[in-house]
PDB file of all heavy atoms in Angstrom:
ATOM      1  N   ASP A   1     -32.710 -42.528 -24.995  1.00  0.00           N
ATOM      2  CA  ASP A   1     -32.141 -42.929 -26.277  1.00  0.00           C
ATOM      3  C   ASP A   1     -32.600 -44.336 -26.605  1.00  0.00           C
ATOM      4  O   ASP A   1     -32.963 -45.111 -25.704  1.00  0.00           O
ATOM      5  CB  ASP A   1     -30.611 -42.875 -26.243  1.00  0.00           C
ATOM      6  CG  ASP A   1     -30.018 -42.578 -27.611  1.00  0.00           C
ATOM      7  OD1 ASP A   1     -30.706 -42.827 -28.623  1.00  0.00           O
ATOM      8  OD2 ASP A   1     -28.874 -42.089 -27.661  1.00  0.00           O
ATOM      9  N   ASN A   2     -32.602 -44.672 -27.885  1.00  0.00           N
ATOM     10  CA  ASN A   2     -32.964 -46.004 -28.344  1.00  0.00           C
ATOM     11  C   ASN A   2     -31.763 -46.642 -29.033  1.00  0.00           C
ATOM     12  O   ASN A   2     -31.094 -46.001 -29.850  1.00  0.00           O
ATOM     13  CB  ASN A   2     -34.150 -45.953 -29.309  1.00  0.00           C
ATOM     14  CG  ASN A   2     -35.432 -45.550 -28.604  1.00  0.00           C
ATOM     15  OD1 ASN A   2     -35.802 -46.117 -27.579  1.00  0.00           O
ATOM     16  ND2 ASN A   2     -36.122 -44.550 -29.132  1.00  0.00           N
ATOM     17  N   VAL A   3     -31.520 -47.884 -28.705  1.00  0.00           N
ATOM     18  CA  VAL A   3     -30.370 -48.613 -29.237  1.00  0.00           C
ATOM     19  C   VAL A   3     -30.858 -49.927 -29.836  1.00  0.00           C
ATOM     20  O   VAL A   3     -31.415 -50.769 -29.130  1.00  0.00           O
ATOM     21  CB  VAL A   3     -29.335 -48.892 -28.130  1.00  0.00           C
ATOM     22  CG1 VAL A   3     -28.124 -49.627 -28.704  1.00  0.00           C
ATOM     23  CG2 VAL A   3     -28.905 -47.599 -27.441  1.00  0.00           C
ATOM     24  N   ASP A   4     -30.672 -50.091 -31.137  1.00  0.00           N
ATOM     25  CA  ASP A   4     -30.999 -51.358 -31.784  1.00  0.00           C
ATOM     26  C   ASP A   4     -29.855 -52.334 -31.536  1.00  0.00           C
ATOM     27  O   ASP A   4     -28.681 -52.000 -31.757  1.00  0.00           O
ATOM     28  CB  ASP A   4     -31.208 -51.155 -33.284  1.00  0.00           C
ATOM     29  CG  ASP A   4     -32.391 -50.249 -33.578  1.00  0.00           C
ATOM     30  OD1 ASP A   4     -33.385 -50.296 -32.835  1.00  0.00           O
ATOM     31  OD2 ASP A   4     -32.315 -49.480 -34.567  1.00  0.00           O
ATOM     32  N   ILE A   5     -30.190 -53.535 -31.093  1.00  0.00           N
ATOM     33  CA  ILE A   5     -29.153 -54.463 -30.657  1.00  0.00           C
ATOM     34  C   ILE A   5     -29.364 -55.857 -31.229  1.00  0.00           C
ATOM     35  O   ILE A   5     -30.504 -56.314 -31.398  1.00  0.00           O
ATOM     36  CB  ILE A   5     -29.100 -54.517 -29.115  1.00  0.00           C
ATOM     37  CG1 ILE A   5     -27.905 -55.342 -28.623  1.00  0.00           C
ATOM     38  CG2 ILE A   5     -30.408 -55.055 -28.533  1.00  0.00           C
ATOM     39  CD1 ILE A   5     -27.622 -55.199 -27.142  1.00  0.00           C
ATOM     40  N   SER A   6     -28.261 -56.515 -31.559  1.00  0.00           N
ATOM     41  CA  SER A   6     -28.245 -57.919 -31.972  1.00  0.00           C
ATOM     42  C   SER A   6     -27.232 -58.634 -31.098  1.00  0.00           C
ATOM     43  O   SER A   6     -26.077 -58.193 -30.998  1.00  0.00           O
ATOM     44  CB  SER A   6     -27.853 -58.059 -33.445  1.00  0.00           C
ATOM     45  OG  SER A   6     -28.767 -57.379 -34.284  1.00  0.00           O
ATOM     46  N   VAL A   7     -27.662 -59.721 -30.453  1.00  0.00           N
ATOM     47  CA  VAL A   7     -26.801 -60.448 -29.527  1.00  0.00           C
ATOM     48  C   VAL A   7     -26.686 -61.907 -29.980  1.00  0.00           C
ATOM     49  O   VAL A   7     -27.696 -62.588 -30.163  1.00  0.00           O
ATOM     50  CB  VAL A   7     -27.349 -60.397 -28.080  1.00  0.00           C
ATOM     51  CG1 VAL A   7     -26.464 -61.225 -27.150  1.00  0.00           C
ATOM     52  CG2 VAL A   7     -27.444 -58.961 -27.598  1.00  0.00           C
ATOM     53  N   ASP A   8     -25.461 -62.361 -30.163  1.00  0.00           N
ATOM     54  CA  ASP A   8     -25.184 -63.746 -30.529  1.00  0.00           C
ATOM     55  C   ASP A   8     -24.292 -64.337 -29.447  1.00  0.00           C
ATOM     56  O   ASP A   8     -23.074 -64.167 -29.463  1.00  0.00           O
ATOM     57  CB  ASP A   8     -24.492 -63.799 -31.892  1.00  0.00           C
ATOM     58  CG  ASP A   8     -24.118 -65.212 -32.309  1.00  0.00           C
ATOM     59  OD1 ASP A   8     -24.577 -66.169 -31.647  1.00  0.00           O
ATOM     60  OD2 ASP A   8     -23.369 -65.368 -33.290  1.00  0.00           O
ATOM     61  N   MET A   9     -24.904 -65.019 -28.476  1.00  0.00           N
ATOM     62  CA  MET A   9     -24.134 -65.595 -27.372  1.00  0.00           C
ATOM     63  C   MET A   9     -23.284 -66.764 -27.848  1.00  0.00           C
ATOM     64  O   MET A   9     -22.201 -67.009 -27.315  1.00  0.00           O
ATOM     65  CB  MET A   9     -25.085 -66.042 -26.259  1.00  0.00           C
ATOM     66  CG  MET A   9     -25.821 -64.901 -25.583  1.00  0.00           C
ATOM     67  SD  MET A   9     -27.033 -65.466 -24.346  1.00  0.00           S
ATOM     68  CE  MET A   9     -25.969 -66.264 -23.146  1.00  0.00           C
ATOM     69  N   THR A  10     -23.758 -67.494 -28.856  1.00  0.00           N
ATOM     70  CA  THR A  10     -23.001 -68.633 -29.374  1.00  0.00           C
ATOM     71  C   THR A  10     -21.682 -68.168 -29.984  1.00  0.00           C
ATOM     72  O   THR A  10     -20.624 -68.736 -29.721  1.00  0.00           O
ATOM     73  CB  THR A  10     -23.824 -69.394 -30.419  1.00  0.00           C
ATOM     74  OG1 THR A  10     -25.067 -69.818 -29.839  1.00  0.00           O
ATOM     75  CG2 THR A  10     -23.075 -70.611 -30.922  1.00  0.00           C
ATOM     76  N   GLY A  11     -21.755 -67.137 -30.800  1.00  0.00           N
ATOM     77  CA  GLY A  11     -20.549 -66.595 -31.426  1.00  0.00           C
ATOM     78  C   GLY A  11     -19.853 -65.539 -30.593  1.00  0.00           C
ATOM     79  O   GLY A  11     -18.826 -65.003 -31.001  1.00  0.00           O
ATOM     80  N   GLN A  12     -20.405 -65.221 -29.427  1.00  0.00           N
ATOM     81  CA  GLN A  12     -19.871 -64.201 -28.521  1.00  0.00           C
ATOM     82  C   GLN A  12     -19.609 -62.885 -29.263  1.00  0.00           C
ATOM     83  O   GLN A  12     -18.497 -62.368 -29.298  1.00  0.00           O
ATOM     84  CB  GLN A  12     -18.595 -64.706 -27.835  1.00  0.00           C
ATOM     85  CG  GLN A  12     -18.846 -65.866 -26.903  1.00  0.00           C
ATOM     86  CD  GLN A  12     -17.650 -66.202 -26.033  1.00  0.00           C
ATOM     87  OE1 GLN A  12     -16.659 -65.486 -26.022  1.00  0.00           O
ATOM     88  NE2 GLN A  12     -17.739 -67.290 -25.291  1.00  0.00           N
ATOM     89  N   ARG A  13     -20.685 -62.349 -29.842  1.00  0.00           N
ATOM     90  CA  ARG A  13     -20.576 -61.075 -30.557  1.00  0.00           C
ATOM     91  C   ARG A  13     -21.853 -60.274 -30.345  1.00  0.00           C
ATOM     92  O   ARG A  13     -22.944 -60.828 -30.210  1.00  0.00           O
ATOM     93  CB  ARG A  13     -20.317 -61.306 -32.042  1.00  0.00           C
ATOM     94  CG  ARG A  13     -21.318 -62.240 -32.705  1.00  0.00           C
ATOM     95  CD  ARG A  13     -20.934 -62.571 -34.134  1.00  0.00           C
ATOM     96  NE  ARG A  13     -21.943 -63.428 -34.762  1.00  0.00           N
ATOM     97  CZ  ARG A  13     -21.963 -63.729 -36.053  1.00  0.00           C
ATOM     98  NH1 ARG A  13     -21.011 -63.267 -36.858  1.00  0.00           N
ATOM     99  NH2 ARG A  13     -22.913 -64.503 -36.555  1.00  0.00           N
ATOM    100  N   ILE A  14     -21.698 -58.973 -30.314  1.00  0.00           N
ATOM    101  CA  ILE A  14     -22.811 -58.059 -30.082  1.00  0.00           C
ATOM    102  C   ILE A  14     -22.675 -56.858 -31.012  1.00  0.00           C
ATOM    103  O   ILE A  14     -21.576 -56.339 -31.233  1.00  0.00           O
ATOM    104  CB  ILE A  14     -22.856 -57.575 -28.617  1.00  0.00           C
ATOM    105  CG1 ILE A  14     -23.096 -58.749 -27.664  1.00  0.00           C
ATOM    106  CG2 ILE A  14     -23.934 -56.514 -28.416  1.00  0.00           C
ATOM    107  CD1 ILE A  14     -23.079 -58.370 -26.191  1.00  0.00           C
ATOM    108  N   ARG A  15     -23.809 -56.424 -31.545  1.00  0.00           N
ATOM    109  CA  ARG A  15     -23.849 -55.212 -32.367  1.00  0.00           C
ATOM    110  C   ARG A  15     -24.866 -54.243 -31.778  1.00  0.00           C
ATOM    111  O   ARG A  15     -25.969 -54.649 -31.410  1.00  0.00           O
ATOM    112  CB  ARG A  15     -24.249 -55.520 -33.801  1.00  0.00           C
ATOM    113  CG  ARG A  15     -24.366 -54.273 -34.699  1.00  0.00           C
ATOM    114  CD  ARG A  15     -24.993 -54.638 -36.034  1.00  0.00           C
ATOM    115  NE  ARG A  15     -24.973 -53.563 -37.000  1.00  0.00           N
ATOM    116  CZ  ARG A  15     -25.944 -52.657 -37.159  1.00  0.00           C
ATOM    117  NH1 ARG A  15     -27.025 -52.702 -36.366  1.00  0.00           N
ATOM    118  NH2 ARG A  15     -25.862 -51.724 -38.085  1.00  0.00           N
ATOM    119  N   GLU A  16     -24.498 -52.983 -31.685  1.00  0.00           N
ATOM    120  CA  GLU A  16     -25.420 -51.941 -31.245  1.00  0.00           C
ATOM    121  C   GLU A  16     -25.424 -50.787 -32.251  1.00  0.00           C
ATOM    122  O   GLU A  16     -24.376 -50.407 -32.777  1.00  0.00           O
ATOM    123  CB  GLU A  16     -25.017 -51.383 -29.880  1.00  0.00           C
ATOM    124  CG  GLU A  16     -25.357 -52.276 -28.719  1.00  0.00           C
ATOM    125  CD  GLU A  16     -25.146 -51.587 -27.387  1.00  0.00           C
ATOM    126  OE1 GLU A  16     -24.469 -50.540 -27.352  1.00  0.00           O
ATOM    127  OE2 GLU A  16     -25.654 -52.089 -26.373  1.00  0.00           O
ATOM    128  N   TYR A  17     -26.619 -50.253 -32.490  1.00  0.00           N
ATOM    129  CA  TYR A  17     -26.774 -49.058 -33.318  1.00  0.00           C
ATOM    130  C   TYR A  17     -27.501 -48.009 -32.484  1.00  0.00           C
ATOM    131  O   TYR A  17     -28.660 -48.202 -32.097  1.00  0.00           O
ATOM    132  CB  TYR A  17     -27.577 -49.367 -34.585  1.00  0.00           C
ATOM    133  CG  TYR A  17     -27.947 -48.130 -35.378  1.00  0.00           C
ATOM    134  CD1 TYR A  17     -26.990 -47.449 -36.117  1.00  0.00           C
ATOM    135  CD2 TYR A  17     -29.257 -47.649 -35.363  1.00  0.00           C
ATOM    136  CE1 TYR A  17     -27.328 -46.307 -36.835  1.00  0.00           C
ATOM    137  CE2 TYR A  17     -29.607 -46.514 -36.068  1.00  0.00           C
ATOM    138  CZ  TYR A  17     -28.635 -45.841 -36.812  1.00  0.00           C
ATOM    139  OH  TYR A  17     -28.974 -44.713 -37.506  1.00  0.00           O
ATOM    140  N   VAL A  18     -26.811 -46.920 -32.173  1.00  0.00           N
ATOM    141  CA  VAL A  18     -27.383 -45.848 -31.361  1.00  0.00           C
ATOM    142  C   VAL A  18     -28.105 -44.875 -32.290  1.00  0.00           C
ATOM    143  O   VAL A  18     -27.477 -44.201 -33.110  1.00  0.00           O
ATOM    144  CB  VAL A  18     -26.287 -45.113 -30.567  1.00  0.00           C
ATOM    145  CG1 VAL A  18     -26.918 -44.071 -29.649  1.00  0.00           C
ATOM    146  CG2 VAL A  18     -25.461 -46.104 -29.754  1.00  0.00           C
ATOM    147  N   ARG A  19     -29.405 -44.826 -32.186  1.00  0.00           N
ATOM    148  CA  ARG A  19     -30.204 -44.053 -33.138  1.00  0.00           C
ATOM    149  C   ARG A  19     -29.909 -42.555 -33.102  1.00  0.00           C
ATOM    150  O   ARG A  19     -29.902 -41.885 -34.130  1.00  0.00           O
ATOM    151  CB  ARG A  19     -31.694 -44.284 -32.875  1.00  0.00           C
ATOM    152  CG  ARG A  19     -32.153 -45.699 -33.147  1.00  0.00           C
ATOM    153  CD  ARG A  19     -33.665 -45.812 -32.975  1.00  0.00           C
ATOM    154  NE  ARG A  19     -34.138 -47.185 -33.019  1.00  0.00           N
ATOM    155  CZ  ARG A  19     -35.407 -47.525 -32.852  1.00  0.00           C
ATOM    156  NH1 ARG A  19     -36.316 -46.581 -32.617  1.00  0.00           N
ATOM    157  NH2 ARG A  19     -35.772 -48.802 -32.903  1.00  0.00           N
ATOM    158  N   SER A  20     -29.680 -42.011 -31.909  1.00  0.00           N
ATOM    159  CA  SER A  20     -29.511 -40.561 -31.791  1.00  0.00           C
ATOM    160  C   SER A  20     -28.251 -40.050 -32.479  1.00  0.00           C
ATOM    161  O   SER A  20     -28.202 -38.910 -32.951  1.00  0.00           O
ATOM    162  CB  SER A  20     -29.494 -40.144 -30.318  1.00  0.00           C
ATOM    163  OG  SER A  20     -28.393 -40.735 -29.656  1.00  0.00           O
ATOM    164  N   THR A  21     -27.231 -40.883 -32.557  1.00  0.00           N
ATOM    165  CA  THR A  21     -25.951 -40.451 -33.138  1.00  0.00           C
ATOM    166  C   THR A  21     -25.597 -41.181 -34.424  1.00  0.00           C
ATOM    167  O   THR A  21     -24.703 -40.739 -35.154  1.00  0.00           O
ATOM    168  CB  THR A  21     -24.816 -40.671 -32.127  1.00  0.00           C
ATOM    169  OG1 THR A  21     -24.707 -42.071 -31.833  1.00  0.00           O
ATOM    170  CG2 THR A  21     -25.079 -39.892 -30.835  1.00  0.00           C
ATOM    171  N   GLY A  22     -26.272 -42.306 -34.684  1.00  0.00           N
ATOM    172  CA  GLY A  22     -25.921 -43.108 -35.847  1.00  0.00           C
ATOM    173  C   GLY A  22     -24.666 -43.933 -35.646  1.00  0.00           C
ATOM    174  O   GLY A  22     -24.134 -44.515 -36.598  1.00  0.00           O
ATOM    175  N   THR A  23     -24.179 -44.003 -34.422  1.00  0.00           N
ATOM    176  CA  THR A  23     -22.952 -44.743 -34.116  1.00  0.00           C
ATOM    177  C   THR A  23     -23.230 -46.246 -34.021  1.00  0.00           C
ATOM    178  O   THR A  23     -24.234 -46.657 -33.455  1.00  0.00           O
ATOM    179  CB  THR A  23     -22.346 -44.254 -32.785  1.00  0.00           C
ATOM    180  OG1 THR A  23     -22.141 -42.844 -32.859  1.00  0.00           O
ATOM    181  CG2 THR A  23     -21.016 -44.938 -32.518  1.00  0.00           C
ATOM    182  N   ILE A  24     -22.343 -47.021 -34.607  1.00  0.00           N
ATOM    183  CA  ILE A  24     -22.441 -48.479 -34.561  1.00  0.00           C
ATOM    184  C   ILE A  24     -21.289 -49.022 -33.730  1.00  0.00           C
ATOM    185  O   ILE A  24     -20.137 -48.601 -33.883  1.00  0.00           O
ATOM    186  CB  ILE A  24     -22.391 -49.089 -35.977  1.00  0.00           C
ATOM    187  CG1 ILE A  24     -23.613 -48.644 -36.796  1.00  0.00           C
ATOM    188  CG2 ILE A  24     -22.338 -50.618 -35.911  1.00  0.00           C
ATOM    189  CD1 ILE A  24     -23.570 -49.074 -38.248  1.00  0.00           C
ATOM    190  N   TYR A  25     -21.616 -49.961 -32.831  1.00  0.00           N
ATOM    191  CA  TYR A  25     -20.604 -50.649 -32.046  1.00  0.00           C
ATOM    192  C   TYR A  25     -20.634 -52.130 -32.416  1.00  0.00           C
ATOM    193  O   TYR A  25     -21.689 -52.755 -32.399  1.00  0.00           O
ATOM    194  CB  TYR A  25     -20.870 -50.502 -30.548  1.00  0.00           C
ATOM    195  CG  TYR A  25     -20.803 -49.075 -30.046  1.00  0.00           C
ATOM    196  CD1 TYR A  25     -21.966 -48.304 -29.945  1.00  0.00           C
ATOM    197  CD2 TYR A  25     -19.596 -48.509 -29.663  1.00  0.00           C
ATOM    198  CE1 TYR A  25     -21.914 -46.995 -29.482  1.00  0.00           C
ATOM    199  CE2 TYR A  25     -19.538 -47.196 -29.197  1.00  0.00           C
ATOM    200  CZ  TYR A  25     -20.692 -46.451 -29.105  1.00  0.00           C
ATOM    201  OH  TYR A  25     -20.645 -45.159 -28.650  1.00  0.00           O
ATOM    202  N   LEU A  26     -19.487 -52.684 -32.764  1.00  0.00           N
ATOM    203  CA  LEU A  26     -19.353 -54.105 -33.060  1.00  0.00           C
ATOM    204  C   LEU A  26     -18.354 -54.702 -32.083  1.00  0.00           C
ATOM    205  O   LEU A  26     -17.213 -54.254 -31.999  1.00  0.00           O
ATOM    206  CB  LEU A  26     -18.848 -54.325 -34.500  1.00  0.00           C
ATOM    207  CG  LEU A  26     -19.827 -54.033 -35.634  1.00  0.00           C
ATOM    208  CD1 LEU A  26     -19.090 -54.055 -36.971  1.00  0.00           C
ATOM    209  CD2 LEU A  26     -20.962 -55.045 -35.646  1.00  0.00           C
ATOM    210  N   MET A  27     -18.760 -55.732 -31.332  1.00  0.00           N
ATOM    211  CA  MET A  27     -17.902 -56.373 -30.355  1.00  0.00           C
ATOM    212  C   MET A  27     -17.749 -57.856 -30.679  1.00  0.00           C
ATOM    213  O   MET A  27     -18.748 -58.559 -30.816  1.00  0.00           O
ATOM    214  CB  MET A  27     -18.482 -56.232 -28.938  1.00  0.00           C
ATOM    215  CG  MET A  27     -18.064 -54.974 -28.206  1.00  0.00           C
ATOM    216  SD  MET A  27     -18.639 -53.461 -28.970  1.00  0.00           S
ATOM    217  CE  MET A  27     -20.398 -53.714 -28.910  1.00  0.00           C
ATOM    218  N   PHE A  28     -16.508 -58.286 -30.809  1.00  0.00           N
ATOM    219  CA  PHE A  28     -16.201 -59.693 -31.075  1.00  0.00           C
ATOM    220  C   PHE A  28     -15.357 -60.195 -29.901  1.00  0.00           C
ATOM    221  O   PHE A  28     -14.142 -59.997 -29.850  1.00  0.00           O
ATOM    222  CB  PHE A  28     -15.458 -59.826 -32.406  1.00  0.00           C
ATOM    223  CG  PHE A  28     -16.228 -59.297 -33.579  1.00  0.00           C
ATOM    224  CD1 PHE A  28     -16.048 -57.994 -34.025  1.00  0.00           C
ATOM    225  CD2 PHE A  28     -17.172 -60.084 -34.227  1.00  0.00           C
ATOM    226  CE1 PHE A  28     -16.764 -57.493 -35.098  1.00  0.00           C
ATOM    227  CE2 PHE A  28     -17.896 -59.603 -35.300  1.00  0.00           C
ATOM    228  CZ  PHE A  28     -17.698 -58.300 -35.742  1.00  0.00           C
ATOM    229  N   TYR A  29     -16.030 -60.865 -28.961  1.00  0.00           N
ATOM    230  CA  TYR A  29     -15.382 -61.206 -27.693  1.00  0.00           C
ATOM    231  C   TYR A  29     -14.432 -62.387 -27.807  1.00  0.00           C
ATOM    232  O   TYR A  29     -13.459 -62.476 -27.063  1.00  0.00           O
ATOM    233  CB  TYR A  29     -16.449 -61.454 -26.628  1.00  0.00           C
ATOM    234  CG  TYR A  29     -17.168 -60.178 -26.264  1.00  0.00           C
ATOM    235  CD1 TYR A  29     -18.349 -59.821 -26.906  1.00  0.00           C
ATOM    236  CD2 TYR A  29     -16.644 -59.310 -25.319  1.00  0.00           C
ATOM    237  CE1 TYR A  29     -18.999 -58.640 -26.590  1.00  0.00           C
ATOM    238  CE2 TYR A  29     -17.277 -58.121 -25.007  1.00  0.00           C
ATOM    239  CZ  TYR A  29     -18.455 -57.797 -25.649  1.00  0.00           C
ATOM    240  OH  TYR A  29     -19.083 -56.613 -25.349  1.00  0.00           O
ATOM    241  N   LYS A  30     -14.686 -63.309 -28.732  1.00  0.00           N
ATOM    242  CA  LYS A  30     -13.755 -64.413 -28.925  1.00  0.00           C
ATOM    243  C   LYS A  30     -12.408 -63.893 -29.403  1.00  0.00           C
ATOM    244  O   LYS A  30     -11.349 -64.400 -29.006  1.00  0.00           O
ATOM    245  CB  LYS A  30     -14.324 -65.412 -29.942  1.00  0.00           C
ATOM    246  CG  LYS A  30     -15.392 -66.335 -29.384  1.00  0.00           C
ATOM    247  CD  LYS A  30     -15.801 -67.363 -30.420  1.00  0.00           C
ATOM    248  CE  LYS A  30     -16.827 -68.343 -29.852  1.00  0.00           C
ATOM    249  NZ  LYS A  30     -17.245 -69.350 -30.871  1.00  0.00           N
ATOM    250  N   GLU A  31     -12.454 -62.883 -30.263  1.00  0.00           N
ATOM    251  CA  GLU A  31     -11.225 -62.306 -30.803  1.00  0.00           C
ATOM    252  C   GLU A  31     -10.669 -61.200 -29.912  1.00  0.00           C
ATOM    253  O   GLU A  31      -9.533 -60.766 -30.098  1.00  0.00           O
ATOM    254  CB  GLU A  31     -11.481 -61.746 -32.212  1.00  0.00           C
ATOM    255  CG  GLU A  31     -11.836 -62.795 -33.258  1.00  0.00           C
ATOM    256  CD  GLU A  31     -13.300 -63.234 -33.186  1.00  0.00           C
ATOM    257  OE1 GLU A  31     -14.085 -62.621 -32.434  1.00  0.00           O
ATOM    258  OE2 GLU A  31     -13.649 -64.193 -33.895  1.00  0.00           O
ATOM    259  N   GLY A  32     -11.507 -60.707 -28.960  1.00  0.00           N
ATOM    260  CA  GLY A  32     -11.060 -59.636 -28.077  1.00  0.00           C
ATOM    261  C   GLY A  32     -10.948 -58.293 -28.759  1.00  0.00           C
ATOM    262  O   GLY A  32     -10.171 -57.431 -28.349  1.00  0.00           O
ATOM    263  N   VAL A  33     -11.759 -58.088 -29.814  1.00  0.00           N
ATOM    264  CA  VAL A  33     -11.662 -56.870 -30.623  1.00  0.00           C
ATOM    265  C   VAL A  33     -13.031 -56.195 -30.719  1.00  0.00           C
ATOM    266  O   VAL A  33     -14.062 -56.867 -30.820  1.00  0.00           O
ATOM    267  CB  VAL A  33     -11.146 -57.181 -32.043  1.00  0.00           C
ATOM    268  CG1 VAL A  33     -11.119 -55.924 -32.902  1.00  0.00           C
ATOM    269  CG2 VAL A  33      -9.755 -57.789 -31.970  1.00  0.00           C
ATOM    270  N   GLY A  34     -13.036 -54.864 -30.689  1.00  0.00           N
ATOM    271  CA  GLY A  34     -14.260 -54.096 -30.868  1.00  0.00           C
ATOM    272  C   GLY A  34     -14.047 -52.938 -31.821  1.00  0.00           C
ATOM    273  O   GLY A  34     -12.922 -52.440 -31.980  1.00  0.00           O
ATOM    274  N   TYR A  35     -15.146 -52.518 -32.475  1.00  0.00           N
ATOM    275  CA  TYR A  35     -15.082 -51.416 -33.428  1.00  0.00           C
ATOM    276  C   TYR A  35     -16.176 -50.407 -33.116  1.00  0.00           C
ATOM    277  O   TYR A  35     -17.284 -50.773 -32.729  1.00  0.00           O
ATOM    278  CB  TYR A  35     -15.267 -51.912 -34.872  1.00  0.00           C
ATOM    279  CG  TYR A  35     -14.241 -52.942 -35.307  1.00  0.00           C
ATOM    280  CD1 TYR A  35     -14.480 -54.306 -35.109  1.00  0.00           C
ATOM    281  CD2 TYR A  35     -13.053 -52.544 -35.915  1.00  0.00           C
ATOM    282  CE1 TYR A  35     -13.545 -55.248 -35.509  1.00  0.00           C
ATOM    283  CE2 TYR A  35     -12.116 -53.486 -36.323  1.00  0.00           C
ATOM    284  CZ  TYR A  35     -12.367 -54.838 -36.117  1.00  0.00           C
ATOM    285  OH  TYR A  35     -11.438 -55.772 -36.509  1.00  0.00           O
ATOM    286  N   MET A  36     -15.871 -49.147 -33.308  1.00  0.00           N
ATOM    287  CA  MET A  36     -16.850 -48.067 -33.217  1.00  0.00           C
ATOM    288  C   MET A  36     -16.849 -47.338 -34.550  1.00  0.00           C
ATOM    289  O   MET A  36     -15.825 -46.791 -34.967  1.00  0.00           O
ATOM    290  CB  MET A  36     -16.500 -47.097 -32.083  1.00  0.00           C
ATOM    291  CG  MET A  36     -17.504 -45.955 -31.944  1.00  0.00           C
ATOM    292  SD  MET A  36     -17.102 -44.841 -30.562  1.00  0.00           S
ATOM    293  CE  MET A  36     -15.606 -44.056 -31.179  1.00  0.00           C
ATOM    294  N   ILE A  37     -18.006 -47.372 -35.230  1.00  0.00           N
ATOM    295  CA  ILE A  37     -18.131 -46.726 -36.535  1.00  0.00           C
ATOM    296  C   ILE A  37     -19.006 -45.498 -36.368  1.00  0.00           C
ATOM    297  O   ILE A  37     -20.182 -45.601 -36.001  1.00  0.00           O
ATOM    298  CB  ILE A  37     -18.730 -47.687 -37.584  1.00  0.00           C
ATOM    299  CG1 ILE A  37     -17.859 -48.936 -37.717  1.00  0.00           C
ATOM    300  CG2 ILE A  37     -18.864 -46.980 -38.920  1.00  0.00           C
ATOM    301  CD1 ILE A  37     -18.318 -50.124 -36.927  1.00  0.00           C
ATOM    302  N   ASP A  38     -18.440 -44.334 -36.620  1.00  0.00           N
ATOM    303  CA  ASP A  38     -19.137 -43.068 -36.423  1.00  0.00           C
ATOM    304  C   ASP A  38     -18.862 -42.155 -37.615  1.00  0.00           C
ATOM    305  O   ASP A  38     -17.722 -41.744 -37.840  1.00  0.00           O
ATOM    306  CB  ASP A  38     -18.660 -42.407 -35.129  1.00  0.00           C
ATOM    307  CG  ASP A  38     -19.478 -41.179 -34.759  1.00  0.00           C
ATOM    308  OD1 ASP A  38     -20.555 -40.977 -35.359  1.00  0.00           O
ATOM    309  OD2 ASP A  38     -19.037 -40.420 -33.886  1.00  0.00           O
ATOM    310  N   ASN A  39     -19.919 -41.853 -38.387  1.00  0.00           N
ATOM    311  CA  ASN A  39     -19.775 -40.997 -39.569  1.00  0.00           C
ATOM    312  C   ASN A  39     -18.676 -41.494 -40.502  1.00  0.00           C
ATOM    313  O   ASN A  39     -17.794 -40.737 -40.928  1.00  0.00           O
ATOM    314  CB  ASN A  39     -19.484 -39.551 -39.149  1.00  0.00           C
ATOM    315  CG  ASN A  39     -20.653 -38.929 -38.413  1.00  0.00           C
ATOM    316  OD1 ASN A  39     -21.813 -39.205 -38.722  1.00  0.00           O
ATOM    317  ND2 ASN A  39     -20.347 -38.095 -37.424  1.00  0.00           N
ATOM    318  N   SER A  40     -18.718 -42.781 -40.816  1.00  0.00           N
ATOM    319  CA  SER A  40     -17.775 -43.431 -41.729  1.00  0.00           C
ATOM    320  C   SER A  40     -16.350 -43.490 -41.181  1.00  0.00           C
ATOM    321  O   SER A  40     -15.428 -43.890 -41.891  1.00  0.00           O
ATOM    322  CB  SER A  40     -17.765 -42.720 -43.104  1.00  0.00           C
ATOM    323  OG  SER A  40     -19.053 -42.771 -43.682  1.00  0.00           O
ATOM    324  N   THR A  41     -16.161 -43.062 -39.941  1.00  0.00           N
ATOM    325  CA  THR A  41     -14.858 -43.173 -39.287  1.00  0.00           C
ATOM    326  C   THR A  41     -14.873 -44.380 -38.364  1.00  0.00           C
ATOM    327  O   THR A  41     -15.786 -44.540 -37.550  1.00  0.00           O
ATOM    328  CB  THR A  41     -14.532 -41.913 -38.467  1.00  0.00           C
ATOM    329  OG1 THR A  41     -14.520 -40.784 -39.351  1.00  0.00           O
ATOM    330  CG2 THR A  41     -13.183 -42.037 -37.785  1.00  0.00           C
ATOM    331  N   CYS A  42     -13.873 -45.225 -38.488  1.00  0.00           N
ATOM    332  CA  CYS A  42     -13.828 -46.453 -37.696  1.00  0.00           C
ATOM    333  C   CYS A  42     -12.676 -46.406 -36.702  1.00  0.00           C
ATOM    334  O   CYS A  42     -11.547 -46.054 -37.056  1.00  0.00           O
ATOM    335  CB  CYS A  42     -13.672 -47.661 -38.610  1.00  0.00           C
ATOM    336  SG  CYS A  42     -13.682 -49.241 -37.715  1.00  0.00           S
TER     337      CYS A  42
END
């Protein structure tokens, strides 16, 4: 599988886009919160 990724160590946040499923993962570590967006469902 291929995963497009953006990493911001300064802001402690990471974004991943999984190509095979279209799923997006957003992680905000300073806030301790993460999101999974799949087919417009969050």
